[in-house]
Amino acid sequence: MADGTPSEFVRDEAELRGLHDGVNPLAAAKAIPSLEPHSRRFIELSPFLCIASADPTGPADVSPRGDAPGFVKVLDDHTLLIPDRIGNNRLDTSANISNNPHIGLLFLVPGVTETLRVNGQARLCTDADVLAAFEVRGKVPKTGILVAVEEVLFQCSKALVRSRLWDDDYKVERKSAMPPLGHMIRDQIDAAQSGDELEAYVQQSVRERMY
């Protein structure tokens, strides 16, 4: 259309696949049902992951998780445990898991251009003895996300190479590129507090509610 709004769309999976070449046999075969030494090592090195979940009625969510490398524990070749650190108490991921166990994980390691995808089913663990192993600064997470692994695959480097994520090329100067988070939230929801007040709350949360 003249204004750039799309007007043509893929109708079904058959049409989608018709737009592309067949799946490379290596890509088709690389998904495996359990963790092995390379994927276990990647998780040990990873300080950051994104977790995708969905409500049974359809709405989906992707949430970041981060901590010191190795914060996700590999219990065995079929099981992971992720500490659910304190957040904003929206509980989007946890609420989704409590209603729909299917999740997807994407692990990143700084400096490595490949990523690791893990799909499986999750439950929320409240076992105090187990969660005690995740204590940091005297704080123990209230819950952990126990993942029964169903599919593991390494994703090739194209996305991170294209994005130059670990290079300096696209780094921005934070203070000049965008306003502080508190000011952006103030503009988005027209909150009663000022942008400075909201930013002060954000920074206090970072200082005092990290764990």
C-alpha atoms as a PDB file:
ATOM      1  CA  MET A   1       0.000   0.000   0.000  1.00  0.00           C
ATOM      2  CA  ALA A   2       1.033   3.590  -0.536  1.00  0.00           C
ATOM      3  CA  ASP A   3       1.517   4.326   3.152  1.00  0.00           C
ATOM      4  CA  GLY A   4       3.738   1.280   3.647  1.00  0.00           C
ATOM      5  CA  THR A   5       1.165  -0.762   5.573  1.00  0.00           C
ATOM      6  CA  PRO A   6       1.354  -4.437   4.504  1.00  0.00           C
ATOM      7  CA  SER A   7      -1.658  -5.809   2.637  1.00  0.00           C
ATOM      8  CA  GLU A   8      -0.518  -9.323   1.696  1.00  0.00           C
ATOM      9  CA  PHE A   9       0.098 -12.092   4.212  1.00  0.00           C
ATOM     10  CA  VAL A  10       0.975 -15.786   4.403  1.00  0.00           C
ATOM     11  CA  ARG A  11      -2.247 -17.782   4.672  1.00  0.00           C
ATOM     12  CA  ASP A  12      -0.920 -21.043   6.108  1.00  0.00           C
ATOM     13  CA  GLU A  13       2.188 -23.136   6.756  1.00  0.00           C
ATOM     14  CA  ALA A  14       2.073 -24.718   3.314  1.00  0.00           C
ATOM     15  CA  GLU A  15       2.289 -21.311   1.652  1.00  0.00           C
ATOM     16  CA  LEU A  16       5.052 -20.298   4.045  1.00  0.00           C
ATOM     17  CA  ARG A  17       7.175 -23.313   3.209  1.00  0.00           C
ATOM     18  CA  GLY A  18       6.584 -22.730  -0.477  1.00  0.00           C
ATOM     19  CA  LEU A  19       8.375 -19.401  -0.155  1.00  0.00           C
ATOM     20  CA  HIS A  20      11.568 -21.073   1.070  1.00  0.00           C
ATOM     21  CA  ASP A  21      13.973 -23.812   0.106  1.00  0.00           C
ATOM     22  CA  GLY A  22      13.734 -27.136   1.882  1.00  0.00           C
ATOM     23  CA  VAL A  23      15.194 -27.558   5.345  1.00  0.00           C
ATOM     24  CA  ASN A  24      18.904 -28.263   5.343  1.00  0.00           C
ATOM     25  CA  PRO A  25      19.380 -31.821   6.654  1.00  0.00           C
ATOM     26  CA  LEU A  26      21.852 -30.556   9.255  1.00  0.00           C
ATOM     27  CA  ALA A  27      19.364 -27.961  10.535  1.00  0.00           C
ATOM     28  CA  ALA A  28      16.643 -30.597  10.695  1.00  0.00           C
ATOM     29  CA  ALA A  29      18.821 -33.040  12.609  1.00  0.00           C
ATOM     30  CA  LYS A  30      20.521 -30.680  15.068  1.00  0.00           C
ATOM     31  CA  ALA A  31      17.656 -30.570  17.591  1.00  0.00           C
ATOM     32  CA  ILE A  32      18.311 -33.197  20.249  1.00  0.00           C
ATOM     33  CA  PRO A  33      16.139 -34.296  23.197  1.00  0.00           C
ATOM     34  CA  SER A  34      18.592 -33.708  26.038  1.00  0.00           C
ATOM     35  CA  LEU A  35      21.588 -31.721  27.200  1.00  0.00           C
ATOM     36  CA  GLU A  36      25.105 -32.970  26.435  1.00  0.00           C
ATOM     37  CA  PRO A  37      28.595 -31.640  27.227  1.00  0.00           C
ATOM     38  CA  HIS A  38      28.553 -28.711  24.774  1.00  0.00           C
ATOM     39  CA  SER A  39      25.118 -27.415  25.752  1.00  0.00           C
ATOM     40  CA  ARG A  40      25.875 -27.944  29.439  1.00  0.00           C
ATOM     41  CA  ARG A  41      29.080 -25.928  29.061  1.00  0.00           C
ATOM     42  CA  PHE A  42      27.253 -23.132  27.249  1.00  0.00           C
ATOM     43  CA  ILE A  43      24.743 -22.863  30.103  1.00  0.00           C
ATOM     44  CA  GLU A  44      27.583 -22.809  32.657  1.00  0.00           C
ATOM     45  CA  LEU A  45      29.108 -19.825  30.811  1.00  0.00           C
ATOM     46  CA  SER A  46      25.855 -17.939  30.292  1.00  0.00           C
ATOM     47  CA  PRO A  47      24.950 -14.934  32.486  1.00  0.00           C
ATOM     48  CA  PHE A  48      21.801 -14.124  30.512  1.00  0.00           C
ATOM     49  CA  LEU A  49      18.781 -15.800  28.968  1.00  0.00           C
ATOM     50  CA  CYS A  50      15.359 -14.919  27.641  1.00  0.00           C
ATOM     51  CA  ILE A  51      12.397 -17.064  28.640  1.00  0.00           C
ATOM     52  CA  ALA A  52       9.291 -17.292  26.468  1.00  0.00           C
ATOM     53  CA  SER A  53       5.980 -18.357  27.933  1.00  0.00           C
ATOM     54  CA  ALA A  54       2.321 -18.083  26.982  1.00  0.00           C
ATOM     55  CA  ASP A  55      -1.067 -17.954  28.593  1.00  0.00           C
ATOM     56  CA  PRO A  56      -3.336 -20.867  27.558  1.00  0.00           C
ATOM     57  CA  THR A  57      -5.660 -18.376  25.856  1.00  0.00           C
ATOM     58  CA  GLY A  58      -2.878 -17.218  23.549  1.00  0.00           C
ATOM     59  CA  PRO A  59      -1.057 -14.074  24.770  1.00  0.00           C
ATOM     60  CA  ALA A  60       2.702 -14.642  24.856  1.00  0.00           C
ATOM     61  CA  ASP A  61       5.527 -13.072  26.837  1.00  0.00           C
ATOM     62  CA  VAL A  62       9.321 -12.933  26.682  1.00  0.00           C
ATOM     63  CA  SER A  63      11.235 -12.001  29.818  1.00  0.00           C
ATOM     64  CA  PRO A  64      14.983 -11.547  30.492  1.00  0.00           C
ATOM     65  CA  ARG A  65      16.823 -13.360  33.265  1.00  0.00           C
ATOM     66  CA  GLY A  66      20.384 -12.585  34.284  1.00  0.00           C
ATOM     67  CA  ASP A  67      22.928 -13.238  37.007  1.00  0.00           C
ATOM     68  CA  ALA A  68      26.496 -14.462  37.388  1.00  0.00           C
ATOM     69  CA  PRO A  69      27.587 -17.059  34.794  1.00  0.00           C
ATOM     70  CA  GLY A  70      26.273 -20.465  35.756  1.00  0.00           C
ATOM     71  CA  PHE A  71      23.252 -19.088  37.629  1.00  0.00           C
ATOM     72  CA  VAL A  72      21.106 -21.664  35.830  1.00  0.00           C
ATOM     73  CA  LYS A  73      21.841 -25.051  37.357  1.00  0.00           C
ATOM     74  CA  VAL A  74      22.019 -28.167  35.200  1.00  0.00           C
ATOM     75  CA  LEU A  75      20.630 -30.866  37.490  1.00  0.00           C
ATOM     76  CA  ASP A  76      20.992 -33.598  34.874  1.00  0.00           C
ATOM     77  CA  ASP A  77      20.803 -34.016  31.104  1.00  0.00           C
ATOM     78  CA  HIS A  78      17.037 -33.511  31.184  1.00  0.00           C
ATOM     79  CA  THR A  79      16.560 -30.911  33.920  1.00  0.00           C
ATOM     80  CA  LEU A  80      17.427 -27.260  34.546  1.00  0.00           C
ATOM     81  CA  LEU A  81      16.661 -25.052  37.534  1.00  0.00           C
ATOM     82  CA  ILE A  82      16.457 -21.273  37.138  1.00  0.00           C
ATOM     83  CA  PRO A  83      16.322 -19.049  40.253  1.00  0.00           C
ATOM     84  CA  ASP A  84      13.391 -16.655  39.967  1.00  0.00           C
ATOM     85  CA  ARG A  85      14.935 -13.512  41.406  1.00  0.00           C
ATOM     86  CA  ILE A  86      12.892 -10.656  42.781  1.00  0.00           C
ATOM     87  CA  GLY A  87      11.315  -8.475  40.097  1.00  0.00           C
ATOM     88  CA  ASN A  88       8.430  -6.059  39.720  1.00  0.00           C
ATOM     89  CA  ASN A  89       5.868  -8.596  40.992  1.00  0.00           C
ATOM     90  CA  ARG A  90       3.915  -8.602  37.742  1.00  0.00           C
ATOM     91  CA  LEU A  91       4.761 -12.332  37.701  1.00  0.00           C
ATOM     92  CA  ASP A  92       4.057 -12.572  33.967  1.00  0.00           C
ATOM     93  CA  THR A  93       6.292 -15.604  33.381  1.00  0.00           C
ATOM     94  CA  SER A  94       5.388 -17.397  36.609  1.00  0.00           C
ATOM     95  CA  ALA A  95       1.669 -16.878  36.089  1.00  0.00           C
ATOM     96  CA  ASN A  96       1.943 -18.221  32.555  1.00  0.00           C
ATOM     97  CA  ILE A  97       3.873 -21.285  33.748  1.00  0.00           C
ATOM     98  CA  SER A  98       1.291 -21.983  36.440  1.00  0.00           C
ATOM     99  CA  ASN A  99      -1.335 -22.196  33.700  1.00  0.00           C
ATOM    100  CA  ASN A 100       0.692 -23.458  30.738  1.00  0.00           C
ATOM    101  CA  PRO A 101       4.001 -25.298  31.328  1.00  0.00           C
ATOM    102  CA  HIS A 102       5.432 -24.952  27.808  1.00  0.00           C
ATOM    103  CA  ILE A 103       8.405 -22.578  27.663  1.00  0.00           C
ATOM    104  CA  GLY A 104      11.342 -21.681  25.433  1.00  0.00           C
ATOM    105  CA  LEU A 105      14.767 -20.502  26.611  1.00  0.00           C
ATOM    106  CA  LEU A 106      17.434 -18.615  24.670  1.00  0.00           C
ATOM    107  CA  PHE A 107      20.878 -18.533  26.306  1.00  0.00           C
ATOM    108  CA  LEU A 108      23.542 -15.970  25.372  1.00  0.00           C
ATOM    109  CA  VAL A 109      27.237 -15.866  26.258  1.00  0.00           C
ATOM    110  CA  PRO A 110      29.025 -12.502  25.834  1.00  0.00           C
ATOM    111  CA  GLY A 111      31.555 -12.698  23.031  1.00  0.00           C
ATOM    112  CA  VAL A 112      30.045 -15.855  21.524  1.00  0.00           C
ATOM    113  CA  THR A 113      27.944 -15.339  18.403  1.00  0.00           C
ATOM    114  CA  GLU A 114      26.059 -18.625  18.609  1.00  0.00           C
ATOM    115  CA  THR A 115      23.080 -18.986  20.961  1.00  0.00           C
ATOM    116  CA  LEU A 116      21.531 -22.002  22.652  1.00  0.00           C
ATOM    117  CA  ARG A 117      17.824 -22.765  22.510  1.00  0.00           C
ATOM    118  CA  VAL A 118      16.159 -25.045  25.036  1.00  0.00           C
ATOM    119  CA  ASN A 119      12.464 -25.921  24.897  1.00  0.00           C
ATOM    120  CA  GLY A 120      10.569 -27.856  27.500  1.00  0.00           C
ATOM    121  CA  GLN A 121       7.982 -27.831  30.242  1.00  0.00           C
ATOM    122  CA  ALA A 122       8.328 -25.932  33.494  1.00  0.00           C
ATOM    123  CA  ARG A 123       7.075 -26.055  37.045  1.00  0.00           C
ATOM    124  CA  LEU A 124       7.500 -23.554  39.874  1.00  0.00           C
ATOM    125  CA  CYS A 125       9.625 -25.017  42.674  1.00  0.00           C
ATOM    126  CA  THR A 126       9.209 -23.849  46.286  1.00  0.00           C
ATOM    127  CA  ASP A 127      11.523 -26.409  47.934  1.00  0.00           C
ATOM    128  CA  ALA A 128      13.413 -24.361  50.539  1.00  0.00           C
ATOM    129  CA  ASP A 129      16.335 -26.785  50.725  1.00  0.00           C
ATOM    130  CA  VAL A 130      16.830 -26.680  46.963  1.00  0.00           C
ATOM    131  CA  LEU A 131      16.413 -22.919  46.659  1.00  0.00           C
ATOM    132  CA  ALA A 132      18.909 -22.292  49.470  1.00  0.00           C
ATOM    133  CA  ALA A 133      21.694 -23.100  46.977  1.00  0.00           C
ATOM    134  CA  PHE A 134      20.764 -19.893  45.101  1.00  0.00           C
ATOM    135  CA  GLU A 135      21.247 -17.578  48.092  1.00  0.00           C
ATOM    136  CA  VAL A 136      22.965 -14.284  47.242  1.00  0.00           C
ATOM    137  CA  ARG A 137      23.571 -11.449  49.724  1.00  0.00           C
ATOM    138  CA  GLY A 138      21.477 -13.289  52.277  1.00  0.00           C
ATOM    139  CA  LYS A 139      18.478 -13.459  49.918  1.00  0.00           C
ATOM    140  CA  VAL A 140      16.942 -16.721  48.726  1.00  0.00           C
ATOM    141  CA  PRO A 141      14.500 -16.683  45.779  1.00  0.00           C
ATOM    142  CA  LYS A 142      10.897 -17.507  46.670  1.00  0.00           C
ATOM    143  CA  THR A 143      10.588 -19.826  43.684  1.00  0.00           C
ATOM    144  CA  GLY A 144      12.697 -21.548  41.061  1.00  0.00           C
ATOM    145  CA  ILE A 145      11.710 -22.529  37.539  1.00  0.00           C
ATOM    146  CA  LEU A 146      12.303 -26.249  37.094  1.00  0.00           C
ATOM    147  CA  VAL A 147      12.560 -27.102  33.402  1.00  0.00           C
ATOM    148  CA  ALA A 148      12.052 -30.581  32.006  1.00  0.00           C
ATOM    149  CA  VAL A 149      14.123 -30.382  28.810  1.00  0.00           C
ATOM    150  CA  GLU A 150      12.484 -31.627  25.610  1.00  0.00           C
ATOM    151  CA  GLU A 151      14.525 -30.037  22.822  1.00  0.00           C
ATOM    152  CA  VAL A 152      18.040 -28.578  22.658  1.00  0.00           C
ATOM    153  CA  LEU A 153      19.672 -26.906  19.681  1.00  0.00           C
ATOM    154  CA  PHE A 154      22.442 -24.448  18.946  1.00  0.00           C
ATOM    155  CA  GLN A 155      21.432 -21.495  16.776  1.00  0.00           C
ATOM    156  CA  CYS A 156      23.995 -20.372  14.207  1.00  0.00           C
ATOM    157  CA  SER A 157      25.660 -16.973  14.460  1.00  0.00           C
ATOM    158  CA  LYS A 158      23.841 -15.062  11.679  1.00  0.00           C
ATOM    159  CA  ALA A 159      21.573 -12.990  13.949  1.00  0.00           C
ATOM    160  CA  LEU A 160      24.332 -11.857  16.297  1.00  0.00           C
ATOM    161  CA  VAL A 161      26.779 -11.292  13.435  1.00  0.00           C
ATOM    162  CA  ARG A 162      24.234  -9.123  11.619  1.00  0.00           C
ATOM    163  CA  SER A 163      23.418  -7.214  14.808  1.00  0.00           C
ATOM    164  CA  ARG A 164      27.097  -6.871  15.812  1.00  0.00           C
ATOM    165  CA  LEU A 165      25.800  -7.333  19.349  1.00  0.00           C
ATOM    166  CA  TRP A 166      29.185  -7.883  20.957  1.00  0.00           C
ATOM    167  CA  ASP A 167      30.965  -5.201  18.907  1.00  0.00           C
ATOM    168  CA  ASP A 168      31.114  -1.476  19.612  1.00  0.00           C
ATOM    169  CA  ASP A 169      29.575  -0.435  16.278  1.00  0.00           C
ATOM    170  CA  TYR A 170      25.966  -0.117  17.435  1.00  0.00           C
ATOM    171  CA  LYS A 171      26.570   0.780  21.077  1.00  0.00           C
ATOM    172  CA  VAL A 172      24.772   3.945  22.085  1.00  0.00           C
ATOM    173  CA  GLU A 173      25.645   6.542  24.670  1.00  0.00           C
ATOM    174  CA  ARG A 174      22.811   5.775  27.084  1.00  0.00           C
ATOM    175  CA  LYS A 175      22.381   9.245  28.545  1.00  0.00           C
ATOM    176  CA  SER A 176      22.173  10.967  25.177  1.00  0.00           C
ATOM    177  CA  ALA A 177      20.324   8.275  23.219  1.00  0.00           C
ATOM    178  CA  MET A 178      17.226   7.858  25.406  1.00  0.00           C
ATOM    179  CA  PRO A 179      15.722   9.419  28.529  1.00  0.00           C
ATOM    180  CA  PRO A 180      16.005   7.619  31.886  1.00  0.00           C
ATOM    181  CA  LEU A 181      13.511   4.780  32.381  1.00  0.00           C
ATOM    182  CA  GLY A 182      11.496   6.700  34.959  1.00  0.00           C
ATOM    183  CA  HIS A 183      10.941   9.539  32.501  1.00  0.00           C
ATOM    184  CA  MET A 184       9.869   7.148  29.744  1.00  0.00           C
ATOM    185  CA  ILE A 185       7.366   5.443  32.067  1.00  0.00           C
ATOM    186  CA  ARG A 186       6.019   8.858  33.080  1.00  0.00           C
ATOM    187  CA  ASP A 187       5.426   9.728  29.430  1.00  0.00           C
ATOM    188  CA  GLN A 188       3.882   6.343  28.637  1.00  0.00           C
ATOM    189  CA  ILE A 189       1.296   6.156  31.415  1.00  0.00           C
ATOM    190  CA  ASP A 190       0.941   9.799  32.496  1.00  0.00           C
ATOM    191  CA  ALA A 191       1.722   8.855  36.096  1.00  0.00           C
ATOM    192  CA  ALA A 192       1.030  11.236  38.960  1.00  0.00           C
ATOM    193  CA  GLN A 193       4.702  11.217  39.960  1.00  0.00           C
ATOM    194  CA  SER A 194       7.273  13.234  38.068  1.00  0.00           C
ATOM    195  CA  GLY A 195       9.842  11.597  35.832  1.00  0.00           C
ATOM    196  CA  ASP A 196      12.555  12.356  38.387  1.00  0.00           C
ATOM    197  CA  GLU A 197      10.537  10.732  41.180  1.00  0.00           C
ATOM    198  CA  LEU A 198       9.939   7.613  39.128  1.00  0.00           C
ATOM    199  CA  GLU A 199      13.597   7.425  38.131  1.00  0.00           C
ATOM    200  CA  ALA A 200      14.617   7.714  41.778  1.00  0.00           C
ATOM    201  CA  TYR A 201      12.357   4.739  42.537  1.00  0.00           C
ATOM    202  CA  VAL A 202      13.871   2.766  39.634  1.00  0.00           C
ATOM    203  CA  GLN A 203      17.415   3.406  40.841  1.00  0.00           C
ATOM    204  CA  GLN A 204      16.509   2.569  44.441  1.00  0.00           C
ATOM    205  CA  SER A 205      15.033  -0.722  43.242  1.00  0.00           C
ATOM    206  CA  VAL A 206      18.241  -1.533  41.379  1.00  0.00           C
ATOM    207  CA  ARG A 207      20.325  -0.775  44.472  1.00  0.00           C
ATOM    208  CA  GLU A 208      18.155  -2.460  47.087  1.00  0.00           C
ATOM    209  CA  ARG A 209      16.045  -5.100  45.343  1.00  0.00           C
ATOM    210  CA  MET A 210      18.539  -6.849  43.075  1.00  0.00           C
ATOM    211  CA  TYR A 211      18.086 -10.138  44.926  1.00  0.00           C
END
